[in-house]
Amino acid sequence: LVENILRDWHREQKVREVENQIEQYYLSLSNDEKDEDRQWTKIATESSKRLWEE
């Protein structure tokens, strides 16, 4: 029982840590990098739509 609680707690901490790192990464981007990221997101979205339409 205690082992399961500790394992779950540890897993949640790792998830929070990764989420925080991702947030910090995106907050650190310059405006140019944010624009580039938006462009890549748009390209990926359009590509995935075409995949599903085929």
PDB file of N, CA and C in Angstrom:
ATOM      1  N   LEU A   1       0.827  -1.195   0.000  1.00  0.00           N
ATOM      2  CA  LEU A   1       0.000   0.000   0.000  1.00  0.00           C
ATOM      3  C   LEU A   1       0.869   1.257   0.000  1.00  0.00           C
ATOM      4  N   VAL A   2       1.787   1.356   0.935  1.00  0.00           N
ATOM      5  CA  VAL A   2       2.674   2.514   1.001  1.00  0.00           C
ATOM      6  C   VAL A   2       3.543   2.577  -0.248  1.00  0.00           C
ATOM      7  N   GLU A   3       3.983   1.431  -0.702  1.00  0.00           N
ATOM      8  CA  GLU A   3       4.812   1.382  -1.910  1.00  0.00           C
ATOM      9  C   GLU A   3       4.049   1.939  -3.114  1.00  0.00           C
ATOM     10  N   ASN A   4       2.783   1.579  -3.246  1.00  0.00           N
ATOM     11  CA  ASN A   4       1.967   2.089  -4.351  1.00  0.00           C
ATOM     12  C   ASN A   4       1.773   3.599  -4.253  1.00  0.00           C
ATOM     13  N   ILE A   5       1.536   4.077  -3.066  1.00  0.00           N
ATOM     14  CA  ILE A   5       1.356   5.516  -2.854  1.00  0.00           C
ATOM     15  C   ILE A   5       2.628   6.259  -3.230  1.00  0.00           C
ATOM     16  N   LEU A   6       3.755   5.752  -2.794  1.00  0.00           N
ATOM     17  CA  LEU A   6       5.031   6.399  -3.118  1.00  0.00           C
ATOM     18  C   LEU A   6       5.326   6.348  -4.618  1.00  0.00           C
ATOM     19  N   ARG A   7       5.035   5.229  -5.245  1.00  0.00           N
ATOM     20  CA  ARG A   7       5.260   5.102  -6.680  1.00  0.00           C
ATOM     21  C   ARG A   7       4.383   6.094  -7.450  1.00  0.00           C
ATOM     22  N   ASP A   8       3.111   6.196  -7.055  1.00  0.00           N
ATOM     23  CA  ASP A   8       2.206   7.147  -7.706  1.00  0.00           C
ATOM     24  C   ASP A   8       2.665   8.581  -7.494  1.00  0.00           C
ATOM     25  N   TRP A   9       3.082   8.890  -6.281  1.00  0.00           N
ATOM     26  CA  TRP A   9       3.561  10.238  -5.973  1.00  0.00           C
ATOM     27  C   TRP A   9       4.791  10.565  -6.817  1.00  0.00           C
ATOM     28  N   HIS A  10       5.705   9.620  -6.902  1.00  0.00           N
ATOM     29  CA  HIS A  10       6.930   9.832  -7.679  1.00  0.00           C
ATOM     30  C   HIS A  10       6.598  10.048  -9.155  1.00  0.00           C
ATOM     31  N   ARG A  11       5.699   9.263  -9.692  1.00  0.00           N
ATOM     32  CA  ARG A  11       5.286   9.402 -11.087  1.00  0.00           C
ATOM     33  C   ARG A  11       4.665  10.783 -11.322  1.00  0.00           C
ATOM     34  N   GLU A  12       3.808  11.220 -10.428  1.00  0.00           N
ATOM     35  CA  GLU A  12       3.185  12.542 -10.550  1.00  0.00           C
ATOM     36  C   GLU A  12       4.229  13.650 -10.500  1.00  0.00           C
ATOM     37  N   GLN A  13       5.229  13.487  -9.649  1.00  0.00           N
ATOM     38  CA  GLN A  13       6.294  14.487  -9.563  1.00  0.00           C
ATOM     39  C   GLN A  13       7.074  14.557 -10.869  1.00  0.00           C
ATOM     40  N   LYS A  14       7.349  13.413 -11.460  1.00  0.00           N
ATOM     41  CA  LYS A  14       8.072  13.384 -12.733  1.00  0.00           C
ATOM     42  C   LYS A  14       7.253  14.054 -13.840  1.00  0.00           C
ATOM     43  N   VAL A  15       5.960  13.783 -13.869  1.00  0.00           N
ATOM     44  CA  VAL A  15       5.085  14.403 -14.869  1.00  0.00           C
ATOM     45  C   VAL A  15       5.090  15.915 -14.690  1.00  0.00           C
ATOM     46  N   ARG A  16       4.960  16.378 -13.466  1.00  0.00           N
ATOM     47  CA  ARG A  16       4.985  17.822 -13.200  1.00  0.00           C
ATOM     48  C   ARG A  16       6.317  18.435 -13.610  1.00  0.00           C
ATOM     49  N   GLU A  17       7.391  17.724 -13.342  1.00  0.00           N
ATOM     50  CA  GLU A  17       8.717  18.223 -13.704  1.00  0.00           C
ATOM     51  C   GLU A  17       8.846  18.388 -15.220  1.00  0.00           C
ATOM     52  N   VAL A  18       8.402  17.395 -15.959  1.00  0.00           N
ATOM     53  CA  VAL A  18       8.465  17.468 -17.420  1.00  0.00           C
ATOM     54  C   VAL A  18       7.564  18.589 -17.930  1.00  0.00           C
ATOM     55  N   GLU A  19       6.365  18.702 -17.387  1.00  0.00           N
ATOM     56  CA  GLU A  19       5.459  19.772 -17.803  1.00  0.00           C
ATOM     57  C   GLU A  19       6.071  21.139 -17.525  1.00  0.00           C
ATOM     58  N   ASN A  20       6.720  21.286 -16.392  1.00  0.00           N
ATOM     59  CA  ASN A  20       7.370  22.547 -16.046  1.00  0.00           C
ATOM     60  C   ASN A  20       8.514  22.847 -17.009  1.00  0.00           C
ATOM     61  N   GLN A  21       9.293  21.839 -17.359  1.00  0.00           N
ATOM     62  CA  GLN A  21      10.393  22.033 -18.304  1.00  0.00           C
ATOM     63  C   GLN A  21       9.875  22.454 -19.677  1.00  0.00           C
ATOM     64  N   ILE A  22       8.783  21.850 -20.101  1.00  0.00           N
ATOM     65  CA  ILE A  22       8.187  22.221 -21.388  1.00  0.00           C
ATOM     66  C   ILE A  22       7.693  23.659 -21.337  1.00  0.00           C
ATOM     67  N   GLU A  23       7.032  24.013 -20.259  1.00  0.00           N
ATOM     68  CA  GLU A  23       6.549  25.387 -20.100  1.00  0.00           C
ATOM     69  C   GLU A  23       7.706  26.378 -20.124  1.00  0.00           C
ATOM     70  N   GLN A  24       8.764  26.081 -19.391  1.00  0.00           N
ATOM     71  CA  GLN A  24       9.923  26.973 -19.357  1.00  0.00           C
ATOM     72  C   GLN A  24      10.565  27.105 -20.730  1.00  0.00           C
ATOM     73  N   TYR A  25      10.598  26.012 -21.476  1.00  0.00           N
ATOM     74  CA  TYR A  25      11.153  26.053 -22.826  1.00  0.00           C
ATOM     75  C   TYR A  25      10.361  27.027 -23.693  1.00  0.00           C
ATOM     76  N   TYR A  26       9.045  26.876 -23.701  1.00  0.00           N
ATOM     77  CA  TYR A  26       8.229  27.736 -24.555  1.00  0.00           C
ATOM     78  C   TYR A  26       8.249  29.186 -24.083  1.00  0.00           C
ATOM     79  N   LEU A  27       8.346  29.413 -22.795  1.00  0.00           N
ATOM     80  CA  LEU A  27       8.440  30.785 -22.292  1.00  0.00           C
ATOM     81  C   LEU A  27       9.771  31.432 -22.662  1.00  0.00           C
ATOM     82  N   SER A  28      10.786  30.628 -22.889  1.00  0.00           N
ATOM     83  CA  SER A  28      12.117  31.162 -23.190  1.00  0.00           C
ATOM     84  C   SER A  28      12.312  31.494 -24.673  1.00  0.00           C
ATOM     85  N   LEU A  29      11.382  31.082 -25.521  1.00  0.00           N
ATOM     86  CA  LEU A  29      11.542  31.306 -26.954  1.00  0.00           C
ATOM     87  C   LEU A  29      11.456  32.792 -27.300  1.00  0.00           C
ATOM     88  N   SER A  30      12.268  33.186 -28.258  1.00  0.00           N
ATOM     89  CA  SER A  30      12.187  34.552 -28.782  1.00  0.00           C
ATOM     90  C   SER A  30      10.941  34.655 -29.668  1.00  0.00           C
ATOM     91  N   ASN A  31      10.578  35.868 -30.034  1.00  0.00           N
ATOM     92  CA  ASN A  31       9.417  36.046 -30.914  1.00  0.00           C
ATOM     93  C   ASN A  31       9.621  35.346 -32.253  1.00  0.00           C
ATOM     94  N   ASP A  32      10.833  35.412 -32.788  1.00  0.00           N
ATOM     95  CA  ASP A  32      11.122  34.721 -34.054  1.00  0.00           C
ATOM     96  C   ASP A  32      10.958  33.209 -33.905  1.00  0.00           C
ATOM     97  N   GLU A  33      11.433  32.674 -32.794  1.00  0.00           N
ATOM     98  CA  GLU A  33      11.303  31.232 -32.556  1.00  0.00           C
ATOM     99  C   GLU A  33       9.837  30.841 -32.380  1.00  0.00           C
ATOM    100  N   LYS A  34       9.059  31.693 -31.719  1.00  0.00           N
ATOM    101  CA  LYS A  34       7.627  31.420 -31.557  1.00  0.00           C
ATOM    102  C   LYS A  34       6.925  31.423 -32.908  1.00  0.00           C
ATOM    103  N   ASP A  35       7.294  32.384 -33.766  1.00  0.00           N
ATOM    104  CA  ASP A  35       6.715  32.432 -35.112  1.00  0.00           C
ATOM    105  C   ASP A  35       7.060  31.171 -35.897  1.00  0.00           C
ATOM    106  N   GLU A  36       8.317  30.748 -35.810  1.00  0.00           N
ATOM    107  CA  GLU A  36       8.733  29.529 -36.504  1.00  0.00           C
ATOM    108  C   GLU A  36       7.967  28.321 -35.977  1.00  0.00           C
ATOM    109  N   ASP A  37       7.777  28.249 -34.670  1.00  0.00           N
ATOM    110  CA  ASP A  37       7.035  27.144 -34.070  1.00  0.00           C
ATOM    111  C   ASP A  37       5.593  27.135 -34.577  1.00  0.00           C
ATOM    112  N   ARG A  38       4.977  28.308 -34.668  1.00  0.00           N
ATOM    113  CA  ARG A  38       3.613  28.394 -35.200  1.00  0.00           C
ATOM    114  C   ARG A  38       3.554  27.900 -36.648  1.00  0.00           C
ATOM    115  N   GLN A  39       4.558  28.271 -37.433  1.00  0.00           N
ATOM    116  CA  GLN A  39       4.592  27.841 -38.835  1.00  0.00           C
ATOM    117  C   GLN A  39       4.715  26.322 -38.936  1.00  0.00           C
ATOM    118  N   TRP A  40       5.592  25.732 -38.121  1.00  0.00           N
ATOM    119  CA  TRP A  40       5.744  24.275 -38.137  1.00  0.00           C
ATOM    120  C   TRP A  40       4.459  23.590 -37.663  1.00  0.00           C
ATOM    121  N   THR A  41       3.793  24.185 -36.689  1.00  0.00           N
ATOM    122  CA  THR A  41       2.534  23.623 -36.203  1.00  0.00           C
ATOM    123  C   THR A  41       1.492  23.638 -37.310  1.00  0.00           C
ATOM    124  N   LYS A  42       1.431  24.742 -38.047  1.00  0.00           N
ATOM    125  CA  LYS A  42       0.485  24.853 -39.156  1.00  0.00           C
ATOM    126  C   LYS A  42       0.786  23.804 -40.225  1.00  0.00           C
ATOM    127  N   ILE A  43       2.054  23.639 -40.572  1.00  0.00           N
ATOM    128  CA  ILE A  43       2.446  22.649 -41.578  1.00  0.00           C
ATOM    129  C   ILE A  43       2.071  21.240 -41.118  1.00  0.00           C
ATOM    130  N   ALA A  44       2.360  20.934 -39.866  1.00  0.00           N
ATOM    131  CA  ALA A  44       2.050  19.601 -39.335  1.00  0.00           C
ATOM    132  C   ALA A  44       0.548  19.354 -39.321  1.00  0.00           C
ATOM    133  N   THR A  45      -0.223  20.374 -38.964  1.00  0.00           N
ATOM    134  CA  THR A  45      -1.680  20.239 -38.939  1.00  0.00           C
ATOM    135  C   THR A  45      -2.224  19.971 -40.330  1.00  0.00           C
ATOM    136  N   GLU A  46      -1.747  20.740 -41.307  1.00  0.00           N
ATOM    137  CA  GLU A  46      -2.207  20.550 -42.684  1.00  0.00           C
ATOM    138  C   GLU A  46      -1.804  19.174 -43.215  1.00  0.00           C
ATOM    139  N   SER A  47      -0.605  18.739 -42.888  1.00  0.00           N
ATOM    140  CA  SER A  47      -0.141  17.420 -43.339  1.00  0.00           C
ATOM    141  C   SER A  47      -0.974  16.303 -42.734  1.00  0.00           C
ATOM    142  N   SER A  48      -1.287  16.425 -41.455  1.00  0.00           N
ATOM    143  CA  SER A  48      -2.067  15.371 -40.803  1.00  0.00           C
ATOM    144  C   SER A  48      -3.489  15.336 -41.348  1.00  0.00           C
ATOM    145  N   LYS A  49      -4.040  16.494 -41.691  1.00  0.00           N
ATOM    146  CA  LYS A  49      -5.381  16.512 -42.294  1.00  0.00           C
ATOM    147  C   LYS A  49      -5.371  15.760 -43.621  1.00  0.00           C
ATOM    148  N   ARG A  50      -4.341  15.995 -44.420  1.00  0.00           N
ATOM    149  CA  ARG A  50      -4.249  15.306 -45.716  1.00  0.00           C
ATOM    150  C   ARG A  50      -4.123  13.795 -45.527  1.00  0.00           C
ATOM    151  N   LEU A  51      -3.399  13.388 -44.512  1.00  0.00           N
ATOM    152  CA  LEU A  51      -3.261  11.953 -44.247  1.00  0.00           C
ATOM    153  C   LEU A  51      -4.614  11.315 -43.966  1.00  0.00           C
ATOM    154  N   TRP A  52      -5.432  11.990 -43.167  1.00  0.00           N
ATOM    155  CA  TRP A  52      -6.725  11.429 -42.794  1.00  0.00           C
ATOM    156  C   TRP A  52      -7.723  11.470 -43.937  1.00  0.00           C
ATOM    157  N   GLU A  53      -7.534  12.416 -44.861  1.00  0.00           N
ATOM    158  CA  GLU A  53      -8.474  12.545 -45.973  1.00  0.00           C
ATOM    159  C   GLU A  53      -8.226  11.515 -47.063  1.00  0.00           C
ATOM    160  N   GLU A  54      -7.041  10.940 -47.096  1.00  0.00           N
ATOM    161  CA  GLU A  54      -6.706   9.978 -48.156  1.00  0.00           C
ATOM    162  C   GLU A  54      -7.381   8.656 -47.966  1.00  0.00           C
TER     163      GLU A  54
END
